[in-house]
């Protein structure tokens, strides 16, 4: 973490000096005033400059990248990481040599856990929230297509049989995808049930309440 103690005739002047010295901008630092400036006698004798401690805030993207690299190395996965930043979102794509299955885990649970932890690390002490998204070998898109097809297939079945059908437990983003996919599907409705890791969606006839 970069930090610097600087002085100036005013607090603003001291901060400006620090920004130049640290090669950064105002919204990427925090500062504490050590001493307020004091005017001397007749503005000449006994004057004291302002003194401030300036600290550069950690870059959340770099923190996320470093955490991912260290974690993957620790668990023995040799992976290259590419990033794409868009506004307050950064997407990391992990490319490994035949280790995609380990990275993804059962139903994406390992990738989800790693994504969650990376978000926690990136946003610790951050001034504004950064959303971190992880992917490997286009898993997210492949999973999306699988879930959309599953939702439509089960919805058609429920519409014919009139029997409520539960889907496998899913995380919140996947449940949201199912709800969205079937939002305009006539004759059925979707309901979330269960708690924690057992929370899942039940696809049910529109006129029949789920149990």
N, C-alpha and C. Protein backbone atom coordinates (compact mmCIF):
# COMPACT_ATOMS: atom_id res chain seq x y z
N UNK A 1 0.85 -1.19 0.00
CA UNK A 1 0.00 0.00 0.00
C UNK A 1 0.89 1.25 0.00
N UNK A 2 0.74 2.11 -0.98
CA UNK A 2 1.55 3.32 -1.07
C UNK A 2 1.03 4.39 -0.11
N UNK A 3 1.95 5.04 0.60
CA UNK A 3 1.55 6.14 1.47
C UNK A 3 2.67 7.18 1.53
N UNK A 4 2.29 8.39 1.88
CA UNK A 4 3.24 9.48 1.85
C UNK A 4 2.81 10.57 2.83
N UNK A 5 3.77 11.17 3.51
CA UNK A 5 3.49 12.32 4.36
C UNK A 5 4.05 13.56 3.67
N UNK A 6 3.20 14.55 3.45
CA UNK A 6 3.61 15.75 2.71
C UNK A 6 3.14 17.00 3.44
N UNK A 7 3.77 18.11 3.10
CA UNK A 7 3.39 19.39 3.69
C UNK A 7 3.14 20.41 2.60
N UNK A 8 2.40 21.45 2.95
CA UNK A 8 2.10 22.52 2.01
C UNK A 8 1.54 23.71 2.75
N UNK A 9 1.45 24.83 2.06
CA UNK A 9 0.90 26.03 2.69
C UNK A 9 -0.54 25.79 3.15
N UNK A 10 -1.28 25.00 2.37
CA UNK A 10 -2.66 24.64 2.72
C UNK A 10 -2.80 23.12 2.63
N UNK A 11 -3.91 22.62 3.16
CA UNK A 11 -4.17 21.18 3.07
C UNK A 11 -4.29 20.75 1.61
N UNK A 12 -4.98 21.57 0.81
CA UNK A 12 -5.17 21.23 -0.60
C UNK A 12 -3.84 21.19 -1.34
N UNK A 13 -2.96 22.12 -1.02
CA UNK A 13 -1.65 22.14 -1.67
C UNK A 13 -0.86 20.88 -1.32
N UNK A 14 -0.94 20.48 -0.06
CA UNK A 14 -0.24 19.28 0.38
C UNK A 14 -0.78 18.04 -0.33
N UNK A 15 -2.10 17.96 -0.45
CA UNK A 15 -2.72 16.82 -1.14
C UNK A 15 -2.32 16.79 -2.60
N UNK A 16 -2.31 17.97 -3.24
CA UNK A 16 -1.92 18.05 -4.65
C UNK A 16 -0.49 17.56 -4.85
N UNK A 17 0.39 17.95 -3.95
CA UNK A 17 1.78 17.48 -4.02
C UNK A 17 1.84 15.96 -3.94
N UNK A 18 1.05 15.41 -3.03
CA UNK A 18 1.04 13.95 -2.85
C UNK A 18 0.52 13.24 -4.10
N UNK A 19 -0.52 13.80 -4.71
CA UNK A 19 -1.08 13.19 -5.92
C UNK A 19 -0.04 13.14 -7.03
N UNK A 20 0.72 14.22 -7.16
CA UNK A 20 1.77 14.26 -8.18
C UNK A 20 2.87 13.25 -7.86
N UNK A 21 3.27 13.23 -6.60
CA UNK A 21 4.35 12.32 -6.18
C UNK A 21 3.95 10.86 -6.32
N UNK A 22 2.70 10.56 -6.00
CA UNK A 22 2.22 9.17 -6.05
C UNK A 22 1.66 8.79 -7.41
N UNK A 23 1.58 9.76 -8.30
CA UNK A 23 1.07 9.53 -9.66
C UNK A 23 -0.32 8.90 -9.63
N UNK A 24 -1.25 9.57 -8.94
CA UNK A 24 -2.61 9.05 -8.83
C UNK A 24 -3.60 10.21 -8.85
N UNK A 25 -4.88 9.90 -8.64
CA UNK A 25 -5.93 10.92 -8.67
C UNK A 25 -6.66 10.95 -7.33
N UNK A 26 -7.44 12.02 -7.13
CA UNK A 26 -8.05 12.29 -5.83
C UNK A 26 -8.95 11.16 -5.33
N UNK A 27 -9.77 10.57 -6.22
CA UNK A 27 -10.72 9.56 -5.75
C UNK A 27 -10.09 8.20 -5.47
N UNK A 28 -8.76 8.13 -5.61
CA UNK A 28 -8.08 6.87 -5.32
C UNK A 28 -7.19 6.96 -4.08
N UNK A 29 -7.43 8.01 -3.28
CA UNK A 29 -6.63 8.16 -2.06
C UNK A 29 -7.52 8.50 -0.87
N UNK A 30 -6.97 8.26 0.31
CA UNK A 30 -7.56 8.79 1.54
C UNK A 30 -6.46 9.57 2.25
N UNK A 31 -6.85 10.49 3.10
CA UNK A 31 -5.82 11.27 3.79
C UNK A 31 -6.26 11.65 5.20
N UNK A 32 -5.27 11.85 6.06
CA UNK A 32 -5.50 12.33 7.42
C UNK A 32 -4.68 13.60 7.60
N UNK A 33 -5.29 14.59 8.20
CA UNK A 33 -4.58 15.84 8.48
C UNK A 33 -3.79 15.67 9.77
N UNK A 34 -2.47 15.75 9.67
CA UNK A 34 -1.60 15.63 10.84
C UNK A 34 -1.51 16.97 11.57
N UNK A 35 -1.33 18.02 10.77
CA UNK A 35 -1.25 19.36 11.34
C UNK A 35 -1.98 20.36 10.45
N UNK A 36 -2.79 21.19 11.05
CA UNK A 36 -3.45 22.27 10.33
C UNK A 36 -2.42 23.38 10.07
N UNK A 37 -2.55 24.10 8.95
CA UNK A 37 -1.63 25.21 8.71
C UNK A 37 -1.89 26.35 9.70
N UNK A 38 -0.83 27.04 10.07
CA UNK A 38 -0.97 28.18 11.00
C UNK A 38 -0.25 29.40 10.42
N UNK A 39 -0.93 30.52 10.51
CA UNK A 39 -0.32 31.76 10.04
C UNK A 39 0.57 32.34 11.14
N UNK A 40 1.72 32.86 10.74
CA UNK A 40 2.62 33.46 11.71
C UNK A 40 2.29 34.93 11.95
N UNK A 41 3.06 35.56 12.75
CA UNK A 41 2.90 36.97 13.05
C UNK A 41 3.07 37.80 11.79
N UNK A 42 2.05 38.59 11.50
CA UNK A 42 2.03 39.40 10.27
C UNK A 42 2.17 38.55 9.02
N UNK A 43 1.85 37.26 9.17
CA UNK A 43 1.94 36.36 8.03
C UNK A 43 3.36 36.00 7.66
N UNK A 44 4.31 36.35 8.55
CA UNK A 44 5.72 36.13 8.21
C UNK A 44 6.43 35.18 9.18
N UNK A 45 6.26 35.42 10.48
CA UNK A 45 7.05 34.68 11.47
C UNK A 45 6.21 33.63 12.20
N UNK A 46 6.79 32.45 12.38
CA UNK A 46 6.13 31.40 13.15
C UNK A 46 5.04 30.65 12.42
N UNK A 47 4.95 30.84 11.11
CA UNK A 47 3.92 30.12 10.35
C UNK A 47 4.28 28.64 10.26
N UNK A 48 3.26 27.82 10.17
CA UNK A 48 3.47 26.37 10.07
C UNK A 48 2.68 25.82 8.89
N UNK A 49 3.30 24.93 8.12
CA UNK A 49 2.59 24.35 6.97
C UNK A 49 1.59 23.29 7.40
N UNK A 50 0.70 22.98 6.49
CA UNK A 50 -0.22 21.86 6.71
C UNK A 50 0.55 20.57 6.45
N UNK A 51 0.28 19.56 7.26
CA UNK A 51 0.92 18.25 7.08
C UNK A 51 -0.17 17.19 6.98
N UNK A 52 -0.12 16.38 5.93
CA UNK A 52 -1.13 15.34 5.75
C UNK A 52 -0.48 14.00 5.44
N UNK A 53 -1.11 12.94 5.91
CA UNK A 53 -0.73 11.58 5.53
C UNK A 53 -1.67 11.13 4.42
N UNK A 54 -1.12 10.75 3.29
CA UNK A 54 -1.92 10.34 2.14
C UNK A 54 -1.67 8.86 1.85
N UNK A 55 -2.75 8.11 1.70
CA UNK A 55 -2.65 6.66 1.43
C UNK A 55 -3.40 6.35 0.14
N UNK A 56 -2.74 5.64 -0.77
CA UNK A 56 -3.38 5.22 -2.01
C UNK A 56 -4.24 3.99 -1.73
N UNK A 57 -5.51 4.07 -2.11
CA UNK A 57 -6.42 2.95 -1.88
C UNK A 57 -6.01 1.76 -2.74
N UNK A 58 -6.12 0.55 -2.21
CA UNK A 58 -5.79 -0.64 -3.00
C UNK A 58 -6.69 -0.74 -4.23
N UNK A 59 -6.12 -1.11 -5.36
CA UNK A 59 -6.90 -1.30 -6.58
C UNK A 59 -7.65 -2.63 -6.45
N UNK A 60 -9.00 -2.61 -6.40
CA UNK A 60 -9.76 -3.85 -6.21
C UNK A 60 -9.55 -4.86 -7.33
N UNK A 61 -9.33 -4.37 -8.55
CA UNK A 61 -9.10 -5.30 -9.67
C UNK A 61 -7.79 -6.05 -9.48
N UNK A 62 -6.75 -5.32 -9.08
CA UNK A 62 -5.46 -5.96 -8.85
C UNK A 62 -5.50 -6.91 -7.66
N UNK A 63 -6.28 -6.52 -6.64
CA UNK A 63 -6.43 -7.40 -5.47
C UNK A 63 -7.11 -8.71 -5.88
N UNK A 64 -8.14 -8.59 -6.72
CA UNK A 64 -8.86 -9.78 -7.19
C UNK A 64 -7.95 -10.67 -8.02
N UNK A 65 -7.18 -10.05 -8.92
CA UNK A 65 -6.27 -10.80 -9.78
C UNK A 65 -5.22 -11.55 -8.95
N UNK A 66 -4.62 -10.84 -8.00
CA UNK A 66 -3.59 -11.46 -7.16
C UNK A 66 -4.15 -12.61 -6.33
N UNK A 67 -5.35 -12.41 -5.79
CA UNK A 67 -5.99 -13.46 -4.99
C UNK A 67 -6.25 -14.70 -5.84
N UNK A 68 -6.76 -14.50 -7.04
CA UNK A 68 -7.03 -15.64 -7.93
C UNK A 68 -5.75 -16.39 -8.26
N UNK A 69 -4.72 -15.64 -8.62
CA UNK A 69 -3.45 -16.26 -9.00
C UNK A 69 -2.87 -17.06 -7.84
N UNK A 70 -2.88 -16.48 -6.65
CA UNK A 70 -2.34 -17.16 -5.47
C UNK A 70 -3.16 -18.40 -5.10
N UNK A 71 -4.49 -18.27 -5.20
CA UNK A 71 -5.36 -19.39 -4.85
C UNK A 71 -5.19 -20.56 -5.81
N UNK A 72 -5.16 -20.26 -7.09
CA UNK A 72 -5.00 -21.32 -8.10
C UNK A 72 -3.64 -22.01 -7.96
N UNK A 73 -2.62 -21.22 -7.68
CA UNK A 73 -1.28 -21.80 -7.47
C UNK A 73 -1.27 -22.69 -6.24
N UNK A 74 -1.94 -22.24 -5.19
CA UNK A 74 -1.99 -22.99 -3.92
C UNK A 74 -2.66 -24.36 -4.09
N UNK A 75 -3.71 -24.42 -4.91
CA UNK A 75 -4.42 -25.69 -5.09
C UNK A 75 -3.86 -26.51 -6.25
N UNK A 76 -2.75 -26.02 -6.83
CA UNK A 76 -2.06 -26.80 -7.84
C UNK A 76 -2.64 -26.73 -9.23
N UNK A 77 -3.31 -25.64 -9.56
CA UNK A 77 -3.85 -25.47 -10.91
C UNK A 77 -3.05 -24.40 -11.64
N UNK A 78 -2.39 -24.81 -12.72
CA UNK A 78 -1.61 -23.89 -13.54
C UNK A 78 -2.57 -23.22 -14.52
N UNK A 79 -2.89 -21.96 -14.27
CA UNK A 79 -3.90 -21.30 -15.09
C UNK A 79 -3.45 -19.90 -15.49
N UNK A 80 -3.78 -19.51 -16.71
CA UNK A 80 -3.56 -18.13 -17.13
C UNK A 80 -4.87 -17.37 -16.94
N UNK A 81 -4.77 -16.09 -16.60
CA UNK A 81 -5.95 -15.30 -16.30
C UNK A 81 -6.00 -14.07 -17.19
N UNK A 82 -7.10 -13.91 -17.90
CA UNK A 82 -7.32 -12.70 -18.69
C UNK A 82 -8.48 -11.93 -18.07
N UNK A 83 -8.44 -10.62 -18.18
CA UNK A 83 -9.50 -9.81 -17.57
C UNK A 83 -10.11 -8.85 -18.56
N UNK A 84 -11.37 -8.53 -18.32
CA UNK A 84 -12.10 -7.57 -19.14
C UNK A 84 -12.89 -6.67 -18.20
N UNK A 85 -12.58 -5.38 -18.21
CA UNK A 85 -13.26 -4.43 -17.33
C UNK A 85 -14.33 -3.66 -18.08
N UNK A 86 -15.49 -3.53 -17.43
CA UNK A 86 -16.59 -2.77 -18.01
C UNK A 86 -17.34 -2.08 -16.87
N UNK A 87 -17.09 -0.78 -16.72
CA UNK A 87 -17.72 -0.05 -15.63
C UNK A 87 -17.26 -0.59 -14.29
N UNK A 88 -18.22 -0.94 -13.44
CA UNK A 88 -17.91 -1.48 -12.11
C UNK A 88 -17.93 -3.01 -12.09
N UNK A 89 -17.71 -3.61 -13.26
CA UNK A 89 -17.66 -5.07 -13.37
C UNK A 89 -16.34 -5.49 -14.01
N UNK A 90 -15.71 -6.51 -13.47
CA UNK A 90 -14.53 -7.08 -14.10
C UNK A 90 -14.76 -8.57 -14.28
N UNK A 91 -14.49 -9.06 -15.47
CA UNK A 91 -14.67 -10.47 -15.78
C UNK A 91 -13.30 -11.12 -15.97
N UNK A 92 -13.05 -12.18 -15.21
CA UNK A 92 -11.81 -12.93 -15.32
C UNK A 92 -12.10 -14.26 -16.01
N UNK A 93 -11.34 -14.55 -17.05
CA UNK A 93 -11.47 -15.84 -17.73
C UNK A 93 -10.25 -16.68 -17.38
N UNK A 94 -10.49 -17.85 -16.82
CA UNK A 94 -9.41 -18.73 -16.37
C UNK A 94 -9.17 -19.83 -17.39
N UNK A 95 -7.95 -19.89 -17.90
CA UNK A 95 -7.60 -20.91 -18.88
C UNK A 95 -6.57 -21.84 -18.27
N UNK A 96 -6.92 -23.12 -18.18
CA UNK A 96 -6.01 -24.09 -17.56
C UNK A 96 -5.77 -25.26 -18.51
N UNK A 97 -4.75 -26.03 -18.20
CA UNK A 97 -4.42 -27.19 -19.02
C UNK A 97 -5.16 -28.43 -18.53
N UNK A 98 -6.36 -28.64 -19.05
CA UNK A 98 -7.13 -29.82 -18.70
C UNK A 98 -7.67 -29.83 -17.28
N UNK A 99 -7.73 -28.66 -16.63
CA UNK A 99 -8.19 -28.60 -15.24
C UNK A 99 -9.55 -27.92 -15.10
N UNK A 100 -10.25 -27.74 -16.21
CA UNK A 100 -11.54 -27.03 -16.16
C UNK A 100 -12.53 -27.70 -15.23
N UNK A 101 -12.55 -29.03 -15.23
CA UNK A 101 -13.50 -29.76 -14.38
C UNK A 101 -13.27 -29.45 -12.91
N UNK A 102 -12.00 -29.36 -12.50
CA UNK A 102 -11.68 -29.02 -11.11
C UNK A 102 -12.10 -27.59 -10.78
N UNK A 103 -11.89 -26.70 -11.73
CA UNK A 103 -12.25 -25.30 -11.52
C UNK A 103 -13.75 -25.11 -11.40
N UNK A 104 -14.49 -25.85 -12.20
CA UNK A 104 -15.95 -25.70 -12.23
C UNK A 104 -16.60 -26.41 -11.05
N UNK A 105 -16.22 -27.66 -10.81
CA UNK A 105 -16.83 -28.43 -9.72
C UNK A 105 -18.23 -28.90 -10.07
N UNK A 106 -18.85 -29.61 -9.15
CA UNK A 106 -20.20 -30.14 -9.38
C UNK A 106 -21.20 -29.00 -9.54
N UNK A 107 -21.88 -28.97 -10.67
CA UNK A 107 -22.86 -27.93 -10.99
C UNK A 107 -22.30 -26.52 -10.80
N UNK A 108 -20.99 -26.38 -11.02
CA UNK A 108 -20.39 -25.06 -10.94
C UNK A 108 -20.11 -24.56 -9.54
N UNK A 109 -20.21 -25.45 -8.54
CA UNK A 109 -20.09 -25.02 -7.14
C UNK A 109 -18.70 -24.48 -6.80
N UNK A 110 -17.65 -25.09 -7.36
CA UNK A 110 -16.29 -24.62 -7.08
C UNK A 110 -16.07 -23.24 -7.68
N UNK A 111 -16.50 -23.06 -8.91
CA UNK A 111 -16.36 -21.76 -9.58
C UNK A 111 -17.16 -20.69 -8.85
N UNK A 112 -18.35 -21.04 -8.39
CA UNK A 112 -19.19 -20.09 -7.65
C UNK A 112 -18.53 -19.68 -6.33
N UNK A 113 -17.95 -20.66 -5.64
CA UNK A 113 -17.29 -20.38 -4.36
C UNK A 113 -16.08 -19.48 -4.56
N UNK A 114 -15.31 -19.77 -5.61
CA UNK A 114 -14.13 -18.97 -5.91
C UNK A 114 -14.53 -17.55 -6.29
N UNK A 115 -15.61 -17.44 -7.04
CA UNK A 115 -16.12 -16.12 -7.43
C UNK A 115 -16.55 -15.32 -6.20
N UNK A 116 -17.25 -15.98 -5.29
CA UNK A 116 -17.71 -15.32 -4.07
C UNK A 116 -16.53 -14.80 -3.25
N UNK A 117 -15.53 -15.65 -3.03
CA UNK A 117 -14.37 -15.26 -2.24
C UNK A 117 -13.59 -14.13 -2.90
N UNK A 118 -13.49 -14.17 -4.22
CA UNK A 118 -12.79 -13.11 -4.95
C UNK A 118 -13.51 -11.78 -4.80
N UNK A 119 -14.83 -11.81 -4.82
CA UNK A 119 -15.62 -10.59 -4.60
C UNK A 119 -15.37 -10.02 -3.21
N UNK A 120 -15.32 -10.91 -2.21
CA UNK A 120 -15.08 -10.46 -0.84
C UNK A 120 -13.72 -9.78 -0.72
N UNK A 121 -12.69 -10.41 -1.29
CA UNK A 121 -11.33 -9.86 -1.22
C UNK A 121 -11.24 -8.54 -1.98
N UNK A 122 -11.81 -8.49 -3.17
CA UNK A 122 -11.72 -7.28 -4.00
C UNK A 122 -12.39 -6.08 -3.35
N UNK A 123 -13.48 -6.32 -2.64
CA UNK A 123 -14.26 -5.20 -2.10
C UNK A 123 -13.93 -4.85 -0.65
N UNK A 124 -12.98 -5.55 -0.07
CA UNK A 124 -12.55 -5.20 1.28
C UNK A 124 -11.82 -3.86 1.23
N UNK A 125 -12.31 -2.89 1.96
CA UNK A 125 -11.76 -1.53 2.04
C UNK A 125 -11.98 -0.72 0.76
N UNK A 126 -12.77 -1.24 -0.17
CA UNK A 126 -13.02 -0.51 -1.42
C UNK A 126 -14.01 0.63 -1.18
N UNK A 127 -13.83 1.73 -1.92
CA UNK A 127 -14.72 2.88 -1.79
C UNK A 127 -16.06 2.62 -2.47
N UNK A 128 -16.04 1.89 -3.59
CA UNK A 128 -17.27 1.56 -4.30
C UNK A 128 -17.24 0.08 -4.67
N UNK A 129 -18.42 -0.51 -4.86
CA UNK A 129 -18.51 -1.96 -5.08
C UNK A 129 -18.06 -2.35 -6.48
N UNK A 130 -17.21 -3.35 -6.54
CA UNK A 130 -16.76 -3.93 -7.80
C UNK A 130 -17.33 -5.33 -7.93
N UNK A 131 -18.03 -5.59 -9.01
CA UNK A 131 -18.59 -6.92 -9.24
C UNK A 131 -17.57 -7.76 -10.01
N UNK A 132 -17.21 -8.90 -9.43
CA UNK A 132 -16.25 -9.81 -10.06
C UNK A 132 -16.98 -11.03 -10.60
N UNK A 133 -16.74 -11.34 -11.87
CA UNK A 133 -17.34 -12.53 -12.49
C UNK A 133 -16.23 -13.43 -13.00
N UNK A 134 -16.37 -14.73 -12.75
CA UNK A 134 -15.38 -15.71 -13.20
C UNK A 134 -15.98 -16.65 -14.23
N UNK A 135 -15.15 -17.07 -15.16
CA UNK A 135 -15.59 -18.05 -16.16
C UNK A 135 -14.38 -18.87 -16.59
N UNK A 136 -14.64 -20.05 -17.11
CA UNK A 136 -13.59 -20.88 -17.68
C UNK A 136 -14.17 -21.73 -18.80
N UNK A 137 -13.50 -21.69 -19.93
CA UNK A 137 -13.91 -22.46 -21.11
C UNK A 137 -15.39 -22.25 -21.46
N UNK A 138 -15.84 -21.00 -21.35
CA UNK A 138 -17.22 -20.62 -21.72
C UNK A 138 -18.28 -21.38 -20.92
N UNK A 139 -17.93 -21.77 -19.69
CA UNK A 139 -18.87 -22.55 -18.86
C UNK A 139 -20.17 -21.81 -18.62
N UNK A 140 -20.10 -20.52 -18.34
CA UNK A 140 -21.31 -19.76 -18.00
C UNK A 140 -22.34 -19.82 -19.12
N UNK A 141 -21.89 -19.62 -20.36
CA UNK A 141 -22.82 -19.65 -21.49
C UNK A 141 -23.36 -21.05 -21.72
N UNK A 142 -22.49 -22.05 -21.59
CA UNK A 142 -22.95 -23.43 -21.78
C UNK A 142 -23.97 -23.81 -20.71
N UNK A 143 -23.72 -23.41 -19.48
CA UNK A 143 -24.65 -23.69 -18.38
C UNK A 143 -25.98 -22.96 -18.61
N UNK A 144 -25.91 -21.73 -19.09
CA UNK A 144 -27.10 -20.94 -19.37
C UNK A 144 -27.99 -21.65 -20.39
N UNK A 145 -27.38 -22.14 -21.46
CA UNK A 145 -28.14 -22.83 -22.50
C UNK A 145 -28.77 -24.12 -21.98
N UNK A 146 -28.02 -24.85 -21.15
CA UNK A 146 -28.54 -26.09 -20.57
C UNK A 146 -29.76 -25.80 -19.70
N UNK A 147 -29.67 -24.77 -18.86
CA UNK A 147 -30.77 -24.45 -17.95
C UNK A 147 -32.00 -23.94 -18.69
N UNK A 148 -31.78 -23.16 -19.73
CA UNK A 148 -32.91 -22.65 -20.52
C UNK A 148 -33.66 -23.81 -21.19
N UNK A 149 -32.90 -24.75 -21.75
CA UNK A 149 -33.53 -25.92 -22.39
C UNK A 149 -34.26 -26.78 -21.36
N UNK A 150 -33.63 -26.95 -20.19
CA UNK A 150 -34.25 -27.73 -19.12
C UNK A 150 -35.56 -27.08 -18.68
N UNK A 151 -35.54 -25.77 -18.49
CA UNK A 151 -36.73 -25.05 -18.03
C UNK A 151 -37.88 -25.20 -19.01
N UNK A 152 -37.60 -25.04 -20.28
CA UNK A 152 -38.65 -25.13 -21.30
C UNK A 152 -39.18 -26.56 -21.41
N UNK A 153 -38.25 -27.55 -21.35
CA UNK A 153 -38.68 -28.95 -21.45
C UNK A 153 -39.60 -29.33 -20.28
N UNK A 154 -39.21 -28.96 -19.07
CA UNK A 154 -40.02 -29.30 -17.89
C UNK A 154 -41.33 -28.52 -17.90
N UNK A 155 -41.28 -27.28 -18.34
CA UNK A 155 -42.50 -26.46 -18.40
C UNK A 155 -43.53 -27.08 -19.35
N UNK A 156 -43.07 -27.58 -20.48
CA UNK A 156 -43.98 -28.24 -21.43
C UNK A 156 -44.58 -29.49 -20.80
N UNK A 157 -43.75 -30.23 -20.08
CA UNK A 157 -44.21 -31.45 -19.42
C UNK A 157 -45.27 -31.13 -18.36
N UNK A 158 -45.01 -30.10 -17.56
CA UNK A 158 -45.95 -29.70 -16.51
C UNK A 158 -47.27 -29.21 -17.10
N UNK A 159 -47.18 -28.53 -18.21
CA UNK A 159 -48.39 -28.01 -18.86
C UNK A 159 -49.31 -29.15 -19.29
N UNK A 160 -48.70 -30.28 -19.68
CA UNK A 160 -49.48 -31.44 -20.12
C UNK A 160 -49.95 -32.28 -18.93
N UNK A 161 -49.05 -32.57 -18.01
CA UNK A 161 -49.38 -33.47 -16.89
C UNK A 161 -50.12 -32.79 -15.74
N UNK A 162 -49.96 -31.46 -15.63
CA UNK A 162 -50.55 -30.67 -14.54
C UNK A 162 -49.97 -31.07 -13.18
N UNK A 163 -48.75 -31.63 -13.20
CA UNK A 163 -48.09 -32.05 -11.96
C UNK A 163 -46.90 -31.13 -11.67
N UNK A 164 -46.88 -30.45 -10.51
CA UNK A 164 -45.75 -29.59 -10.16
C UNK A 164 -44.45 -30.39 -10.15
N UNK A 165 -43.40 -29.82 -10.73
CA UNK A 165 -42.12 -30.53 -10.84
C UNK A 165 -40.98 -29.68 -10.30
N UNK A 166 -40.25 -30.19 -9.30
CA UNK A 166 -39.11 -29.44 -8.75
C UNK A 166 -37.86 -29.63 -9.61
N UNK A 167 -37.06 -28.59 -9.70
CA UNK A 167 -35.77 -28.69 -10.38
C UNK A 167 -34.69 -28.89 -9.32
N UNK A 168 -33.49 -29.19 -9.76
CA UNK A 168 -32.37 -29.38 -8.84
C UNK A 168 -32.05 -28.06 -8.12
N UNK A 169 -31.43 -28.12 -6.94
CA UNK A 169 -31.03 -26.89 -6.25
C UNK A 169 -30.10 -26.05 -7.13
N UNK A 170 -30.29 -24.75 -7.08
CA UNK A 170 -29.48 -23.82 -7.89
C UNK A 170 -29.14 -22.59 -7.07
N UNK A 171 -28.10 -21.88 -7.51
CA UNK A 171 -27.76 -20.62 -6.85
C UNK A 171 -28.73 -19.53 -7.31
N UNK A 172 -28.65 -18.37 -6.71
CA UNK A 172 -29.63 -17.31 -6.98
C UNK A 172 -29.63 -16.84 -8.43
N UNK A 173 -28.46 -16.75 -9.05
CA UNK A 173 -28.40 -16.28 -10.43
C UNK A 173 -29.03 -17.29 -11.39
N UNK A 174 -28.85 -18.58 -11.10
CA UNK A 174 -29.45 -19.61 -11.96
C UNK A 174 -30.96 -19.67 -11.77
N UNK A 175 -31.41 -19.49 -10.53
CA UNK A 175 -32.86 -19.45 -10.30
C UNK A 175 -33.49 -18.25 -11.01
N UNK A 176 -32.78 -17.15 -10.97
CA UNK A 176 -33.27 -15.94 -11.65
C UNK A 176 -33.39 -16.20 -13.15
N UNK A 177 -32.43 -16.94 -13.71
CA UNK A 177 -32.47 -17.27 -15.13
C UNK A 177 -33.69 -18.13 -15.46
N UNK A 178 -34.00 -19.11 -14.61
CA UNK A 178 -35.17 -19.97 -14.83
C UNK A 178 -36.45 -19.13 -14.78
N UNK A 179 -36.57 -18.29 -13.76
CA UNK A 179 -37.75 -17.42 -13.64
C UNK A 179 -37.92 -16.57 -14.90
N UNK A 180 -36.81 -15.99 -15.35
CA UNK A 180 -36.84 -15.11 -16.52
C UNK A 180 -37.20 -15.87 -17.79
N UNK A 181 -36.64 -17.08 -17.94
CA UNK A 181 -36.90 -17.89 -19.14
C UNK A 181 -38.37 -18.25 -19.26
N UNK A 182 -39.02 -18.54 -18.13
CA UNK A 182 -40.41 -19.00 -18.16
C UNK A 182 -41.43 -17.91 -17.82
N UNK A 183 -40.96 -16.68 -17.74
CA UNK A 183 -41.83 -15.57 -17.34
C UNK A 183 -43.05 -15.43 -18.25
N UNK A 184 -42.86 -15.64 -19.52
CA UNK A 184 -43.95 -15.48 -20.48
C UNK A 184 -44.46 -16.82 -21.03
N UNK A 185 -44.11 -17.89 -20.35
CA UNK A 185 -44.56 -19.22 -20.78
C UNK A 185 -45.98 -19.42 -20.26
N UNK A 186 -46.94 -19.48 -21.16
CA UNK A 186 -48.35 -19.55 -20.78
C UNK A 186 -48.69 -20.86 -20.06
N UNK A 187 -49.52 -20.76 -19.02
CA UNK A 187 -50.05 -21.95 -18.36
C UNK A 187 -49.22 -22.49 -17.22
N UNK A 188 -48.07 -21.90 -16.95
CA UNK A 188 -47.25 -22.38 -15.83
C UNK A 188 -46.72 -21.19 -15.03
N UNK A 189 -46.24 -21.47 -13.84
CA UNK A 189 -45.56 -20.44 -13.05
C UNK A 189 -44.40 -21.08 -12.30
N UNK A 190 -43.48 -20.26 -11.86
CA UNK A 190 -42.30 -20.77 -11.15
C UNK A 190 -42.28 -20.24 -9.72
N UNK A 191 -41.92 -21.12 -8.79
CA UNK A 191 -41.88 -20.76 -7.38
C UNK A 191 -40.57 -21.26 -6.77
N UNK A 192 -39.90 -20.41 -6.00
CA UNK A 192 -38.68 -20.83 -5.30
C UNK A 192 -39.05 -21.41 -3.94
N UNK A 193 -38.46 -22.57 -3.61
CA UNK A 193 -38.73 -23.22 -2.33
C UNK A 193 -37.42 -23.71 -1.72
N UNK A 194 -37.46 -24.01 -0.43
CA UNK A 194 -36.27 -24.50 0.26
C UNK A 194 -35.39 -23.38 0.78
N UNK A 195 -34.35 -23.75 1.52
CA UNK A 195 -33.44 -22.78 2.10
C UNK A 195 -31.99 -23.16 1.83
N UNK A 196 -31.14 -22.14 1.82
CA UNK A 196 -29.71 -22.37 1.66
C UNK A 196 -29.36 -23.11 0.39
N UNK A 197 -28.48 -24.11 0.53
CA UNK A 197 -28.02 -24.85 -0.65
C UNK A 197 -29.11 -25.75 -1.23
N UNK A 198 -30.22 -25.91 -0.50
CA UNK A 198 -31.32 -26.74 -0.99
C UNK A 198 -32.41 -25.92 -1.69
N UNK A 199 -32.20 -24.61 -1.81
CA UNK A 199 -33.21 -23.77 -2.44
C UNK A 199 -33.30 -24.11 -3.92
N UNK A 200 -34.52 -24.30 -4.40
CA UNK A 200 -34.73 -24.74 -5.78
C UNK A 200 -36.02 -24.13 -6.33
N UNK A 201 -36.25 -24.37 -7.59
CA UNK A 201 -37.47 -23.88 -8.25
C UNK A 201 -38.42 -25.03 -8.49
N UNK A 202 -39.70 -24.77 -8.28
CA UNK A 202 -40.76 -25.71 -8.63
C UNK A 202 -41.55 -25.10 -9.78
N UNK A 203 -41.64 -25.85 -10.85
CA UNK A 203 -42.45 -25.41 -11.99
C UNK A 203 -43.83 -26.04 -11.83
N UNK A 204 -44.84 -25.21 -11.77
CA UNK A 204 -46.18 -25.69 -11.44
C UNK A 204 -47.22 -25.10 -12.38
N UNK A 205 -48.36 -25.79 -12.57
CA UNK A 205 -49.43 -25.23 -13.39
C UNK A 205 -49.86 -23.88 -12.82
N UNK A 206 -50.19 -22.94 -13.67
CA UNK A 206 -50.52 -21.58 -13.23
C UNK A 206 -51.69 -21.55 -12.27
N UNK A 207 -52.63 -22.48 -12.42
CA UNK A 207 -53.84 -22.48 -11.59
C UNK A 207 -53.71 -23.35 -10.35
N UNK A 208 -52.51 -23.92 -10.14
CA UNK A 208 -52.33 -24.85 -9.03
C UNK A 208 -51.19 -24.39 -8.15
N UNK A 209 -51.43 -24.27 -6.86
CA UNK A 209 -50.41 -23.83 -5.93
C UNK A 209 -49.44 -24.98 -5.64
N UNK A 210 -48.16 -24.60 -5.49
CA UNK A 210 -47.17 -25.63 -5.12
C UNK A 210 -47.33 -25.94 -3.65
N UNK A 211 -46.97 -27.15 -3.26
CA UNK A 211 -47.13 -27.54 -1.86
C UNK A 211 -45.99 -27.01 -1.02
